N, C-alpha and C. Protein backbone atom coordinates (compact mmCIF):
# COMPACT_ATOMS: atom_id res chain seq x y z
N MET A 1 -62.16 235.36 142.64
CA MET A 1 -63.31 236.10 141.99
C MET A 1 -64.71 235.90 142.73
N ASP A 2 -65.42 236.93 142.89
CA ASP A 2 -66.68 236.82 143.61
C ASP A 2 -67.75 236.32 142.57
N ALA A 3 -68.25 235.06 142.91
CA ALA A 3 -69.09 234.36 142.02
C ALA A 3 -70.48 235.15 141.77
N ALA A 4 -70.86 235.87 142.83
CA ALA A 4 -72.15 236.60 142.74
C ALA A 4 -71.94 237.77 141.68
N ARG A 5 -70.83 238.28 141.44
CA ARG A 5 -70.65 239.46 140.53
C ARG A 5 -70.20 238.95 139.19
N PHE A 6 -69.93 237.56 138.95
CA PHE A 6 -69.46 237.07 137.68
C PHE A 6 -70.71 236.63 136.97
N LYS A 7 -71.05 237.33 135.69
CA LYS A 7 -72.16 236.95 134.78
C LYS A 7 -71.62 237.02 133.37
N TRP A 8 -72.19 236.00 132.71
CA TRP A 8 -71.90 236.06 131.22
C TRP A 8 -72.60 237.33 130.56
N SER A 9 -71.87 237.95 129.61
CA SER A 9 -72.42 239.12 128.92
C SER A 9 -73.57 238.64 128.06
N ARG A 10 -74.54 239.73 128.06
CA ARG A 10 -75.69 239.47 127.03
C ARG A 10 -75.29 239.69 125.64
N SER A 11 -74.10 240.39 125.41
CA SER A 11 -73.78 240.64 124.10
C SER A 11 -73.04 239.39 123.55
N PRO A 12 -73.46 238.78 122.50
CA PRO A 12 -72.82 237.62 121.89
C PRO A 12 -71.27 237.92 121.44
N ARG A 13 -71.04 239.12 121.01
CA ARG A 13 -69.65 239.44 120.68
C ARG A 13 -68.77 239.47 121.88
N VAL A 14 -69.26 240.01 122.95
CA VAL A 14 -68.46 239.95 124.14
C VAL A 14 -68.31 238.57 124.87
N GLY A 15 -69.50 237.87 124.70
CA GLY A 15 -69.48 236.58 125.23
C GLY A 15 -68.44 235.61 124.47
N ILE A 16 -68.49 235.71 123.23
CA ILE A 16 -67.43 234.89 122.39
C ILE A 16 -66.03 235.41 122.80
N ALA A 17 -65.83 236.58 122.85
CA ALA A 17 -64.46 237.08 123.23
C ALA A 17 -64.09 236.56 124.59
N ALA A 18 -64.91 236.64 125.54
CA ALA A 18 -64.66 236.13 126.82
C ALA A 18 -64.22 234.67 126.79
N ILE A 19 -64.96 233.82 125.97
CA ILE A 19 -64.68 232.43 125.90
C ILE A 19 -63.34 232.23 125.27
N ALA A 20 -63.12 233.01 124.18
CA ALA A 20 -61.80 232.97 123.47
C ALA A 20 -60.66 233.13 124.38
N LEU A 21 -60.79 234.15 125.17
CA LEU A 21 -59.74 234.50 126.04
C LEU A 21 -59.50 233.56 127.18
N ALA A 22 -60.61 232.96 127.65
CA ALA A 22 -60.58 231.87 128.58
C ALA A 22 -59.86 230.65 128.10
N VAL A 23 -60.18 230.36 126.88
CA VAL A 23 -59.53 229.05 126.37
C VAL A 23 -58.03 229.40 125.95
N ALA A 24 -57.77 230.56 125.54
CA ALA A 24 -56.32 230.98 125.24
C ALA A 24 -55.44 230.88 126.68
N ALA A 25 -56.13 231.34 127.63
CA ALA A 25 -55.44 231.50 129.01
C ALA A 25 -55.25 229.88 129.41
N ALA A 26 -56.25 229.12 129.21
CA ALA A 26 -56.13 227.67 129.55
C ALA A 26 -54.98 227.16 128.83
N PHE A 27 -54.93 227.29 127.46
CA PHE A 27 -53.73 226.66 126.83
C PHE A 27 -52.40 227.22 127.11
N ALA A 28 -52.37 228.63 127.44
CA ALA A 28 -51.24 229.11 127.90
C ALA A 28 -50.69 228.63 129.16
N GLY A 29 -51.66 228.29 130.04
CA GLY A 29 -51.36 227.60 131.37
C GLY A 29 -50.73 226.27 131.21
N LEU A 30 -51.16 225.54 130.01
CA LEU A 30 -50.62 224.29 129.86
C LEU A 30 -49.29 224.15 129.25
N VAL A 31 -48.83 225.22 128.74
CA VAL A 31 -47.49 225.03 128.05
C VAL A 31 -46.33 224.68 129.02
N PRO A 32 -46.15 225.33 130.11
CA PRO A 32 -45.06 224.82 130.98
C PRO A 32 -45.44 223.48 131.63
N THR A 33 -46.61 223.09 131.85
CA THR A 33 -46.99 221.75 132.20
C THR A 33 -46.51 220.66 131.27
N ALA A 34 -46.87 221.00 130.02
CA ALA A 34 -46.53 219.96 128.89
C ALA A 34 -44.90 219.82 128.79
N ALA A 35 -44.25 220.96 128.89
CA ALA A 35 -42.75 220.93 128.88
C ALA A 35 -42.22 220.25 130.08
N ALA A 36 -42.76 220.31 131.30
CA ALA A 36 -42.29 219.67 132.44
C ALA A 36 -42.51 218.11 132.27
N ARG A 37 -43.49 217.75 131.47
CA ARG A 37 -43.78 216.33 131.31
C ARG A 37 -42.76 215.64 130.24
N GLU A 38 -41.84 216.35 129.65
CA GLU A 38 -40.88 215.73 128.80
C GLU A 38 -40.05 214.82 129.66
N ARG A 39 -39.88 213.52 129.13
CA ARG A 39 -39.23 212.60 129.83
C ARG A 39 -37.87 212.25 129.28
N THR A 40 -37.03 211.62 130.03
CA THR A 40 -35.62 211.38 129.64
C THR A 40 -35.31 209.85 129.36
N LEU A 41 -34.71 209.67 128.36
CA LEU A 41 -34.15 208.30 127.91
C LEU A 41 -32.56 208.40 127.92
N VAL A 42 -32.04 207.63 128.76
CA VAL A 42 -30.72 207.51 128.91
C VAL A 42 -30.04 206.40 128.22
N PHE A 43 -29.00 206.53 127.34
CA PHE A 43 -28.22 205.39 126.82
C PHE A 43 -26.92 205.38 127.53
N PHE A 44 -26.76 204.23 128.20
CA PHE A 44 -25.61 204.08 129.03
C PHE A 44 -24.66 202.89 128.49
N GLY A 45 -23.65 203.32 127.96
CA GLY A 45 -22.90 202.22 127.33
C GLY A 45 -21.36 202.70 126.94
N ASP A 46 -20.82 202.00 126.05
CA ASP A 46 -19.37 202.10 125.67
C ASP A 46 -19.17 203.02 124.35
N SER A 47 -18.20 202.59 123.65
CA SER A 47 -17.84 203.30 122.41
C SER A 47 -19.04 203.15 121.37
N LEU A 48 -19.61 202.01 121.35
CA LEU A 48 -20.76 201.82 120.38
C LEU A 48 -21.93 202.85 120.59
N THR A 49 -22.15 203.12 121.82
CA THR A 49 -23.13 204.29 122.22
C THR A 49 -22.48 205.57 122.01
N ALA A 50 -21.37 205.74 122.40
CA ALA A 50 -20.70 207.12 122.18
C ALA A 50 -20.52 207.50 120.78
N GLY A 51 -20.58 206.45 119.84
CA GLY A 51 -20.42 206.78 118.42
C GLY A 51 -18.93 206.97 118.12
N PHE A 52 -18.14 206.24 118.65
CA PHE A 52 -16.54 206.32 118.30
C PHE A 52 -16.34 206.20 116.85
N GLY A 53 -15.51 207.15 116.47
CA GLY A 53 -14.85 207.09 115.03
C GLY A 53 -15.84 207.63 114.03
N LEU A 54 -17.04 208.00 114.38
CA LEU A 54 -18.02 208.56 113.39
C LEU A 54 -17.71 210.06 113.15
N PRO A 55 -17.77 210.68 111.93
CA PRO A 55 -17.47 211.92 111.62
C PRO A 55 -18.19 212.94 112.63
N ASP A 56 -19.48 212.74 112.87
CA ASP A 56 -20.27 213.51 113.86
C ASP A 56 -21.12 212.72 114.67
N PRO A 57 -20.44 212.35 115.84
CA PRO A 57 -21.30 211.50 116.78
C PRO A 57 -22.65 212.12 117.40
N ASP A 58 -22.51 213.57 117.33
CA ASP A 58 -23.69 214.09 117.93
C ASP A 58 -24.91 214.09 117.07
N THR A 59 -24.69 213.59 115.81
CA THR A 59 -25.90 213.46 115.01
C THR A 59 -25.86 211.96 114.23
N GLN A 60 -24.75 211.21 114.27
CA GLN A 60 -24.68 210.00 113.73
C GLN A 60 -24.63 208.87 114.54
N SER A 61 -24.39 208.99 115.92
CA SER A 61 -24.42 207.85 116.87
C SER A 61 -25.84 207.31 116.91
N TYR A 62 -26.01 206.04 117.23
CA TYR A 62 -27.35 205.54 117.29
C TYR A 62 -28.24 206.23 118.24
N PRO A 63 -27.80 206.58 119.53
CA PRO A 63 -28.78 207.42 120.30
C PRO A 63 -29.19 208.75 119.65
N ALA A 64 -28.24 209.40 118.94
CA ALA A 64 -28.66 210.67 118.19
C ALA A 64 -29.75 210.38 117.16
N LEU A 65 -29.58 209.22 116.49
CA LEU A 65 -30.65 208.87 115.49
C LEU A 65 -31.80 208.43 116.10
N VAL A 66 -31.92 207.85 117.31
CA VAL A 66 -33.03 207.55 118.00
C VAL A 66 -33.83 208.79 118.41
N GLN A 67 -33.04 209.80 118.90
CA GLN A 67 -33.59 211.13 119.11
C GLN A 67 -34.29 211.73 117.82
N ALA A 68 -33.69 211.59 116.71
CA ALA A 68 -34.31 212.07 115.56
C ALA A 68 -35.64 211.41 115.22
N LYS A 69 -35.67 210.13 115.43
CA LYS A 69 -36.97 209.30 115.31
C LYS A 69 -38.03 209.86 116.25
N ILE A 70 -37.55 210.06 117.51
CA ILE A 70 -38.43 210.54 118.51
C ILE A 70 -39.11 211.93 118.11
N ASP A 71 -38.21 212.85 117.68
CA ASP A 71 -38.72 214.05 117.17
C ASP A 71 -39.61 214.04 116.01
N ALA A 72 -39.27 213.13 115.15
CA ALA A 72 -40.11 212.93 113.91
C ALA A 72 -41.65 212.38 114.34
N SER A 73 -41.55 211.62 115.42
CA SER A 73 -42.81 211.08 115.93
C SER A 73 -43.58 211.90 116.96
N HIS A 74 -42.87 213.06 117.21
CA HIS A 74 -43.52 214.08 118.12
C HIS A 74 -43.64 213.49 119.52
N LEU A 75 -42.86 212.84 119.89
CA LEU A 75 -42.93 212.22 121.33
C LEU A 75 -42.15 213.03 122.37
N PRO A 76 -42.67 213.20 123.59
CA PRO A 76 -42.10 214.02 124.57
C PRO A 76 -40.97 213.52 125.23
N TRP A 77 -39.87 213.06 124.53
CA TRP A 77 -38.73 212.39 125.17
C TRP A 77 -37.49 212.98 124.67
N HIS A 78 -36.46 213.09 125.64
CA HIS A 78 -35.28 213.76 125.39
C HIS A 78 -34.12 212.65 125.65
N VAL A 79 -33.28 212.46 124.58
CA VAL A 79 -32.30 211.44 124.76
C VAL A 79 -30.91 211.96 125.47
N VAL A 80 -30.39 211.33 126.40
CA VAL A 80 -29.03 211.71 126.93
C VAL A 80 -28.18 210.58 126.45
N ASN A 81 -27.03 210.84 125.85
CA ASN A 81 -26.02 209.86 125.35
C ASN A 81 -24.93 209.87 126.47
N ALA A 82 -24.97 208.74 127.36
CA ALA A 82 -23.92 208.51 128.40
C ALA A 82 -22.96 207.45 128.04
N GLY A 83 -22.64 207.39 126.68
CA GLY A 83 -21.80 206.50 126.20
C GLY A 83 -20.34 206.94 126.51
N LEU A 84 -19.50 206.00 126.83
CA LEU A 84 -18.04 206.32 127.10
C LEU A 84 -17.10 205.30 126.39
N SER A 85 -16.26 205.68 125.48
CA SER A 85 -15.44 204.85 124.77
C SER A 85 -14.33 204.11 125.77
N GLY A 86 -14.35 202.79 125.53
CA GLY A 86 -13.52 201.97 126.36
C GLY A 86 -14.25 201.42 127.66
N GLU A 87 -15.48 201.79 127.89
CA GLU A 87 -16.16 201.50 129.12
C GLU A 87 -16.33 199.99 129.31
N THR A 88 -16.10 199.42 130.53
CA THR A 88 -16.38 198.07 130.81
C THR A 88 -17.58 198.00 131.69
N SER A 89 -18.06 196.87 132.06
CA SER A 89 -19.06 196.67 133.04
C SER A 89 -18.75 197.22 134.50
N ALA A 90 -17.52 197.03 134.77
CA ALA A 90 -16.93 197.40 135.98
C ALA A 90 -16.87 198.99 136.13
N GLY A 91 -16.24 199.50 134.89
CA GLY A 91 -16.33 201.01 134.75
C GLY A 91 -17.76 201.52 134.93
N GLY A 92 -18.64 200.95 134.24
CA GLY A 92 -19.95 201.54 134.35
C GLY A 92 -20.60 201.46 135.65
N LEU A 93 -20.20 200.51 136.45
CA LEU A 93 -20.63 200.34 137.84
C LEU A 93 -20.08 201.56 138.65
N ARG A 94 -18.93 201.85 138.40
CA ARG A 94 -18.28 203.03 139.02
C ARG A 94 -18.96 204.35 138.70
N ARG A 95 -19.38 204.46 137.52
CA ARG A 95 -19.88 205.66 136.89
C ARG A 95 -21.34 205.90 137.07
N ILE A 96 -22.13 204.77 137.46
CA ILE A 96 -23.58 204.89 137.32
C ILE A 96 -24.15 205.91 138.24
N ASP A 97 -23.63 206.06 139.44
CA ASP A 97 -24.33 206.99 140.43
C ASP A 97 -24.23 208.26 139.81
N TRP A 98 -23.11 208.67 139.24
CA TRP A 98 -23.04 210.14 138.56
C TRP A 98 -24.09 210.16 137.55
N VAL A 99 -24.34 209.34 136.74
CA VAL A 99 -25.21 209.35 135.74
C VAL A 99 -26.57 209.47 136.21
N LEU A 100 -26.98 208.88 137.28
CA LEU A 100 -28.27 208.82 137.87
C LEU A 100 -28.63 210.08 138.64
N ARG A 101 -27.73 211.08 138.60
CA ARG A 101 -28.06 212.40 139.21
C ARG A 101 -29.11 213.09 138.35
N GLN A 102 -29.27 212.66 137.18
CA GLN A 102 -30.30 213.31 136.38
C GLN A 102 -31.60 212.35 136.44
N ARG A 103 -32.72 212.88 135.94
CA ARG A 103 -33.82 212.12 135.91
C ARG A 103 -33.82 211.05 134.83
N VAL A 104 -34.28 209.93 135.19
CA VAL A 104 -34.31 208.81 134.20
C VAL A 104 -35.76 208.16 134.14
N ASP A 105 -36.27 208.13 133.10
CA ASP A 105 -37.52 207.54 132.78
C ASP A 105 -37.46 206.32 132.04
N ALA A 106 -36.49 206.28 131.16
CA ALA A 106 -36.06 204.91 130.58
C ALA A 106 -34.61 204.83 130.37
N PHE A 107 -34.07 203.56 130.51
CA PHE A 107 -32.71 203.44 130.60
C PHE A 107 -32.23 202.26 129.54
N VAL A 108 -31.37 202.67 128.66
CA VAL A 108 -30.87 201.63 127.85
C VAL A 108 -29.39 201.24 128.20
N LEU A 109 -29.22 199.87 128.69
CA LEU A 109 -28.00 199.52 129.11
C LEU A 109 -27.20 198.74 128.12
N GLU A 110 -26.00 199.35 127.68
CA GLU A 110 -25.32 198.67 126.66
C GLU A 110 -23.86 198.56 127.06
N LEU A 111 -23.46 197.49 127.86
CA LEU A 111 -22.17 197.28 128.25
C LEU A 111 -21.89 195.84 128.12
N GLY A 112 -20.58 195.58 128.19
CA GLY A 112 -20.14 194.09 128.22
C GLY A 112 -19.33 193.71 127.06
N ALA A 113 -19.41 194.51 125.90
CA ALA A 113 -18.56 194.09 124.70
C ALA A 113 -16.99 194.18 125.11
N ASN A 114 -16.53 195.21 125.70
CA ASN A 114 -15.18 195.33 126.15
C ASN A 114 -14.67 194.23 127.14
N ASP A 115 -15.74 193.86 128.06
CA ASP A 115 -15.43 192.78 128.98
C ASP A 115 -15.18 191.45 128.19
N GLY A 116 -16.05 191.23 127.16
CA GLY A 116 -15.81 190.00 126.31
C GLY A 116 -14.51 189.98 125.61
N LEU A 117 -14.20 191.05 125.05
CA LEU A 117 -12.96 191.21 124.17
C LEU A 117 -11.74 191.01 125.01
N ARG A 118 -11.82 191.32 126.35
CA ARG A 118 -10.75 191.31 127.29
C ARG A 118 -10.61 189.95 128.05
N GLY A 119 -11.62 189.12 127.69
CA GLY A 119 -11.71 187.68 128.29
C GLY A 119 -12.23 187.75 129.74
N THR A 120 -12.93 188.75 130.26
CA THR A 120 -13.51 188.83 131.56
C THR A 120 -14.51 187.75 131.69
N ALA A 121 -14.41 187.00 132.94
CA ALA A 121 -15.21 185.99 133.13
C ALA A 121 -16.70 186.42 133.03
N PRO A 122 -17.56 185.61 132.20
CA PRO A 122 -19.06 186.16 131.99
C PRO A 122 -19.80 186.35 133.22
N GLY A 123 -19.40 185.58 134.30
CA GLY A 123 -20.06 185.63 135.75
C GLY A 123 -19.68 187.13 136.30
N VAL A 124 -18.57 187.59 136.11
CA VAL A 124 -18.27 188.84 136.53
C VAL A 124 -18.95 189.98 135.82
N THR A 125 -19.01 189.82 134.61
CA THR A 125 -19.82 190.75 133.79
C THR A 125 -21.24 190.79 134.20
N GLN A 126 -21.79 189.68 134.37
CA GLN A 126 -23.15 189.48 134.73
C GLN A 126 -23.48 190.15 136.11
N ALA A 127 -22.56 189.96 137.01
CA ALA A 127 -22.70 190.49 138.36
C ALA A 127 -22.68 192.20 138.34
N ASN A 128 -21.71 192.53 137.54
CA ASN A 128 -21.64 194.08 137.44
C ASN A 128 -22.83 194.67 136.79
N LEU A 129 -23.37 194.00 135.68
CA LEU A 129 -24.58 194.43 135.10
C LEU A 129 -25.73 194.43 135.95
N GLN A 130 -25.83 193.28 136.80
CA GLN A 130 -26.92 193.25 137.76
C GLN A 130 -26.89 194.40 138.78
N LEU A 131 -25.68 194.78 139.31
CA LEU A 131 -25.59 195.84 140.18
C LEU A 131 -25.99 197.12 139.65
N ILE A 132 -25.62 197.40 138.35
CA ILE A 132 -26.01 198.64 137.56
C ILE A 132 -27.59 198.57 137.52
N ILE A 133 -28.18 197.50 137.15
CA ILE A 133 -29.71 197.47 137.09
C ILE A 133 -30.28 197.67 138.31
N ASP A 134 -29.66 197.12 139.47
CA ASP A 134 -30.06 197.50 140.83
C ASP A 134 -30.15 198.83 141.27
N ARG A 135 -29.07 199.58 140.92
CA ARG A 135 -28.89 200.96 141.22
C ARG A 135 -29.91 201.91 140.47
N VAL A 136 -30.29 201.48 139.13
CA VAL A 136 -31.30 202.17 138.45
C VAL A 136 -32.69 202.05 139.08
N ARG A 137 -32.88 200.71 139.39
CA ARG A 137 -34.18 200.48 139.99
C ARG A 137 -34.35 201.10 141.31
N ALA A 138 -33.33 201.12 142.17
CA ALA A 138 -33.41 201.67 143.49
C ALA A 138 -33.67 203.22 143.38
N GLN A 139 -33.21 203.94 142.45
CA GLN A 139 -33.35 205.32 142.36
C GLN A 139 -34.60 205.70 141.62
N TYR A 140 -34.91 204.95 140.63
CA TYR A 140 -35.98 205.26 139.70
C TYR A 140 -36.79 203.97 139.45
N PRO A 141 -37.54 203.59 140.43
CA PRO A 141 -38.34 202.32 140.45
C PRO A 141 -39.21 202.25 139.21
N GLU A 142 -39.82 203.29 138.71
CA GLU A 142 -40.67 203.27 137.53
C GLU A 142 -39.95 203.40 136.21
N ALA A 143 -38.66 203.52 136.27
CA ALA A 143 -37.97 203.57 134.99
C ALA A 143 -38.05 202.26 134.14
N LYS A 144 -38.24 202.35 132.93
CA LYS A 144 -38.34 201.21 132.03
C LYS A 144 -36.91 200.97 131.57
N ILE A 145 -36.34 199.77 131.70
CA ILE A 145 -34.86 199.49 131.37
C ILE A 145 -34.92 198.38 130.15
N VAL A 146 -34.10 198.73 129.24
CA VAL A 146 -33.68 198.02 128.02
C VAL A 146 -32.28 197.48 128.08
N LEU A 147 -32.09 196.25 127.91
CA LEU A 147 -30.68 195.65 127.94
C LEU A 147 -30.28 195.35 126.48
N ALA A 148 -29.29 195.89 125.97
CA ALA A 148 -28.77 195.60 124.59
C ALA A 148 -27.78 194.41 124.72
N GLY A 149 -28.27 193.27 124.09
CA GLY A 149 -27.38 192.10 124.04
C GLY A 149 -26.26 192.18 123.22
N MET A 150 -25.06 191.51 123.56
CA MET A 150 -23.89 191.50 122.70
C MET A 150 -23.49 190.03 122.54
N LYS A 151 -22.63 189.80 121.51
CA LYS A 151 -22.04 188.60 121.17
C LYS A 151 -20.68 188.65 120.88
N MET A 152 -19.89 187.55 121.20
CA MET A 152 -18.45 187.59 120.94
C MET A 152 -18.19 186.83 119.64
N PRO A 153 -17.05 187.20 118.90
CA PRO A 153 -16.67 186.44 117.66
C PRO A 153 -16.13 185.12 118.10
N PRO A 154 -16.32 184.18 117.03
CA PRO A 154 -15.96 182.80 117.32
C PRO A 154 -14.42 182.58 117.74
N SER A 155 -13.65 183.57 117.42
CA SER A 155 -12.22 183.52 117.88
C SER A 155 -12.00 183.45 119.34
N MET A 156 -13.04 183.99 120.17
CA MET A 156 -12.91 183.90 121.52
C MET A 156 -13.11 182.49 122.14
N GLY A 157 -13.41 181.49 121.20
CA GLY A 157 -13.54 180.09 121.69
C GLY A 157 -15.04 179.75 121.93
N ALA A 158 -15.46 178.60 121.63
CA ALA A 158 -16.92 178.20 121.64
C ALA A 158 -17.44 178.28 122.99
N ASP A 159 -16.69 177.79 124.10
CA ASP A 159 -17.32 177.81 125.41
C ASP A 159 -17.39 179.18 125.91
N TYR A 160 -16.31 180.08 125.68
CA TYR A 160 -16.65 181.29 126.14
C TYR A 160 -17.59 182.11 125.51
N VAL A 161 -17.85 182.02 124.16
CA VAL A 161 -18.92 182.64 123.42
C VAL A 161 -20.20 182.25 124.04
N ALA A 162 -20.47 180.95 124.21
CA ALA A 162 -21.79 180.52 124.72
C ALA A 162 -21.99 180.98 126.03
N SER A 163 -20.92 181.09 127.00
CA SER A 163 -21.23 181.58 128.34
C SER A 163 -21.64 183.12 128.25
N PHE A 164 -20.82 183.82 127.41
CA PHE A 164 -20.97 185.23 127.35
C PHE A 164 -22.37 185.56 126.82
N ASP A 165 -22.73 184.91 125.74
CA ASP A 165 -23.99 185.18 124.95
C ASP A 165 -25.23 184.95 126.03
N ALA A 166 -25.05 184.04 126.92
CA ALA A 166 -26.11 183.73 127.94
C ALA A 166 -26.39 184.67 128.94
N VAL A 167 -25.36 185.57 129.09
CA VAL A 167 -25.41 186.57 130.20
C VAL A 167 -26.71 187.51 130.02
N PHE A 168 -26.95 187.89 128.80
CA PHE A 168 -27.97 188.99 128.54
C PHE A 168 -29.40 188.46 128.62
N PRO A 169 -29.65 187.30 128.02
CA PRO A 169 -31.00 186.81 128.15
C PRO A 169 -31.32 186.46 129.75
N ALA A 170 -30.33 185.99 130.37
CA ALA A 170 -30.45 185.55 131.83
C ALA A 170 -30.84 186.87 132.70
N LEU A 171 -30.05 188.01 132.37
CA LEU A 171 -30.38 189.19 133.16
C LEU A 171 -31.79 189.74 132.83
N ALA A 172 -32.16 189.69 131.48
CA ALA A 172 -33.48 190.14 131.09
C ALA A 172 -34.54 189.42 131.70
N SER A 173 -34.35 188.05 131.80
CA SER A 173 -35.44 187.19 132.34
C SER A 173 -35.53 187.36 133.73
N LYS A 174 -34.48 187.62 134.54
CA LYS A 174 -34.47 187.66 135.99
C LYS A 174 -35.05 189.01 136.39
N ASN A 175 -34.83 190.07 135.63
CA ASN A 175 -35.10 191.40 135.99
C ASN A 175 -36.42 191.99 135.24
N GLY A 176 -36.98 191.23 134.28
CA GLY A 176 -38.12 191.74 133.66
C GLY A 176 -37.70 192.88 132.73
N LEU A 177 -36.54 192.78 132.01
CA LEU A 177 -36.17 193.84 131.15
C LEU A 177 -36.51 193.61 129.76
N VAL A 178 -36.65 194.69 128.86
CA VAL A 178 -36.81 194.49 127.47
C VAL A 178 -35.31 194.17 126.94
N LEU A 179 -35.22 193.11 126.15
CA LEU A 179 -33.95 192.54 125.59
C LEU A 179 -33.87 192.90 124.16
N VAL A 180 -32.88 193.67 123.70
CA VAL A 180 -32.49 193.67 122.33
C VAL A 180 -31.53 192.52 122.18
N PRO A 181 -31.83 191.49 121.35
CA PRO A 181 -31.24 190.28 121.36
C PRO A 181 -29.70 190.42 120.88
N PHE A 182 -29.35 191.21 120.02
CA PHE A 182 -28.13 191.58 119.61
C PHE A 182 -28.04 193.03 118.98
N LEU A 183 -27.35 193.82 119.74
CA LEU A 183 -27.31 195.39 119.29
C LEU A 183 -26.83 195.49 117.92
N LEU A 184 -25.83 194.66 117.43
CA LEU A 184 -25.20 194.79 116.10
C LEU A 184 -25.75 193.86 115.12
N GLU A 185 -27.07 193.38 115.27
CA GLU A 185 -27.62 192.59 114.40
C GLU A 185 -27.54 193.11 112.88
N GLY A 186 -26.92 192.44 111.97
CA GLY A 186 -26.96 192.68 110.69
C GLY A 186 -25.89 193.71 110.27
N VAL A 187 -25.16 194.08 111.35
CA VAL A 187 -23.93 194.98 111.16
C VAL A 187 -22.55 194.41 111.52
N ALA A 188 -22.58 193.49 112.60
CA ALA A 188 -21.22 192.95 113.04
C ALA A 188 -20.67 192.02 111.81
N MET A 189 -19.37 192.15 111.70
CA MET A 189 -18.70 191.27 110.73
C MET A 189 -18.94 191.66 109.29
N ASN A 190 -19.68 192.79 109.07
CA ASN A 190 -19.97 193.36 107.74
C ASN A 190 -19.00 194.34 107.41
N PRO A 191 -18.05 194.15 106.58
CA PRO A 191 -17.00 195.27 106.28
C PRO A 191 -17.65 196.52 105.72
N THR A 192 -18.63 196.44 105.10
CA THR A 192 -19.32 197.66 104.38
C THR A 192 -19.96 198.58 105.42
N LEU A 193 -20.33 197.91 106.51
CA LEU A 193 -21.08 198.69 107.62
C LEU A 193 -20.24 199.07 108.78
N ASN A 194 -18.94 198.85 108.66
CA ASN A 194 -18.05 199.10 109.80
C ASN A 194 -16.85 199.89 109.46
N GLN A 195 -16.19 200.47 110.42
CA GLN A 195 -15.06 201.36 110.16
C GLN A 195 -13.89 200.36 109.84
N GLY A 196 -12.75 200.97 109.74
CA GLY A 196 -11.62 200.10 109.34
C GLY A 196 -11.11 199.13 110.45
N ASP A 197 -11.58 199.36 111.74
CA ASP A 197 -11.15 198.41 112.76
C ASP A 197 -12.12 197.16 112.77
N ASP A 198 -13.27 197.23 111.86
CA ASP A 198 -14.01 195.98 111.86
C ASP A 198 -14.85 195.82 113.12
N MET A 199 -14.87 196.88 114.03
CA MET A 199 -15.58 196.65 115.29
C MET A 199 -16.63 197.67 115.54
N HIS A 200 -16.26 198.93 115.02
CA HIS A 200 -17.39 200.00 115.22
C HIS A 200 -18.08 200.37 114.01
N PRO A 201 -19.44 200.49 114.10
CA PRO A 201 -20.12 200.82 112.81
C PRO A 201 -19.76 202.18 112.29
N ASN A 202 -19.78 202.21 111.01
CA ASN A 202 -19.69 203.40 110.25
C ASN A 202 -21.11 204.12 110.24
N ALA A 203 -21.17 205.31 109.59
CA ALA A 203 -22.50 206.03 109.59
C ALA A 203 -23.66 205.18 109.21
N GLU A 204 -23.51 204.39 108.00
CA GLU A 204 -24.58 203.51 107.58
C GLU A 204 -24.89 202.48 108.52
N GLY A 205 -23.84 201.80 109.10
CA GLY A 205 -24.08 200.78 110.16
C GLY A 205 -24.70 201.22 111.45
N SER A 206 -24.34 202.51 111.76
CA SER A 206 -24.99 203.14 112.98
C SER A 206 -26.50 203.42 112.75
N ALA A 207 -26.80 203.70 111.62
CA ALA A 207 -28.24 203.91 111.14
C ALA A 207 -29.06 202.62 111.31
N LEU A 208 -28.32 201.49 110.93
CA LEU A 208 -29.05 200.14 111.02
C LEU A 208 -29.10 199.76 112.55
N VAL A 209 -28.11 200.11 113.41
CA VAL A 209 -28.22 199.83 114.81
C VAL A 209 -29.36 200.69 115.39
N ALA A 210 -29.52 202.02 115.07
CA ALA A 210 -30.62 202.79 115.58
C ALA A 210 -32.07 202.24 115.08
N ASN A 211 -32.08 201.65 113.97
CA ASN A 211 -33.34 200.99 113.60
C ASN A 211 -33.73 199.65 114.44
N THR A 212 -32.62 199.02 114.78
CA THR A 212 -32.78 197.87 115.65
C THR A 212 -33.14 198.28 116.99
N VAL A 213 -32.56 199.32 117.63
CA VAL A 213 -32.95 199.69 118.91
C VAL A 213 -34.39 200.27 118.97
N TRP A 214 -34.60 201.16 117.97
CA TRP A 214 -35.93 201.76 117.78
C TRP A 214 -37.06 200.72 117.90
N LYS A 215 -36.96 199.69 117.26
CA LYS A 215 -37.98 198.67 117.25
C LYS A 215 -38.33 198.17 118.61
N TRP A 216 -37.32 198.19 119.53
CA TRP A 216 -37.63 197.69 120.96
C TRP A 216 -37.98 198.84 121.90
N VAL A 217 -37.43 199.96 121.58
CA VAL A 217 -37.59 201.14 122.54
C VAL A 217 -39.00 201.78 122.21
N LEU A 218 -39.46 201.95 120.96
CA LEU A 218 -40.62 202.74 120.65
C LEU A 218 -41.80 202.28 121.45
N PRO A 219 -42.15 200.94 121.72
CA PRO A 219 -43.38 200.54 122.56
C PRO A 219 -43.27 201.22 123.97
N LEU A 220 -42.04 201.53 124.37
CA LEU A 220 -41.94 202.03 125.80
C LEU A 220 -42.16 203.53 125.83
N LEU A 221 -42.24 204.12 124.85
CA LEU A 221 -42.29 205.63 124.77
C LEU A 221 -43.64 206.20 124.67
N GLY A 222 -44.67 205.33 124.64
CA GLY A 222 -46.04 205.90 124.61
C GLY A 222 -46.50 206.26 125.94
N PRO A 223 -47.84 206.58 126.01
CA PRO A 223 -48.40 207.00 127.36
C PRO A 223 -48.21 205.91 128.43
């Protein structure tokens, strides 16, 4: 536009209309920009993340419930549930590059429970999880990473339980991660909050898991 030809109208009505149109145009121009700023929170895990056994995992899994909390808080984040039932740390390592094809702004890593139940050496689990963390960091250096801690039942033996439990705080400390101390806090071993297998949360238990995760994730979702 030629600046020499552009003048504010002397008519108040026309001047106000022009300002209104300019403001409307400015807001209209912001709409796609705001949408483009929506960020992605990826939950990468096993059946606990996938919502195994729930009547409607799309709405009852803990990642889905975290999305509902995000929406209620009017935060510009979109949750991707990359949980896979039966997944181990080794399987996650094989799968991570495929998951990282999409944009990742925050990443919740929930793996290791199946390793422990199979008696996998904790050092092997730790090495696999470290490689997954390294892959995420290499591709998305600014992504915020949350590590979900797991614990083994006493039936696995005191020495194994202690070694397994130590994997998660060690990884969090080494890599500067946010650590959820125990994903199933208040839910594990409670028959009223778990399905018939006594391993996977029911709908009520899943809601409590979502509350636990939300407490640690929410501070990462701000500006």
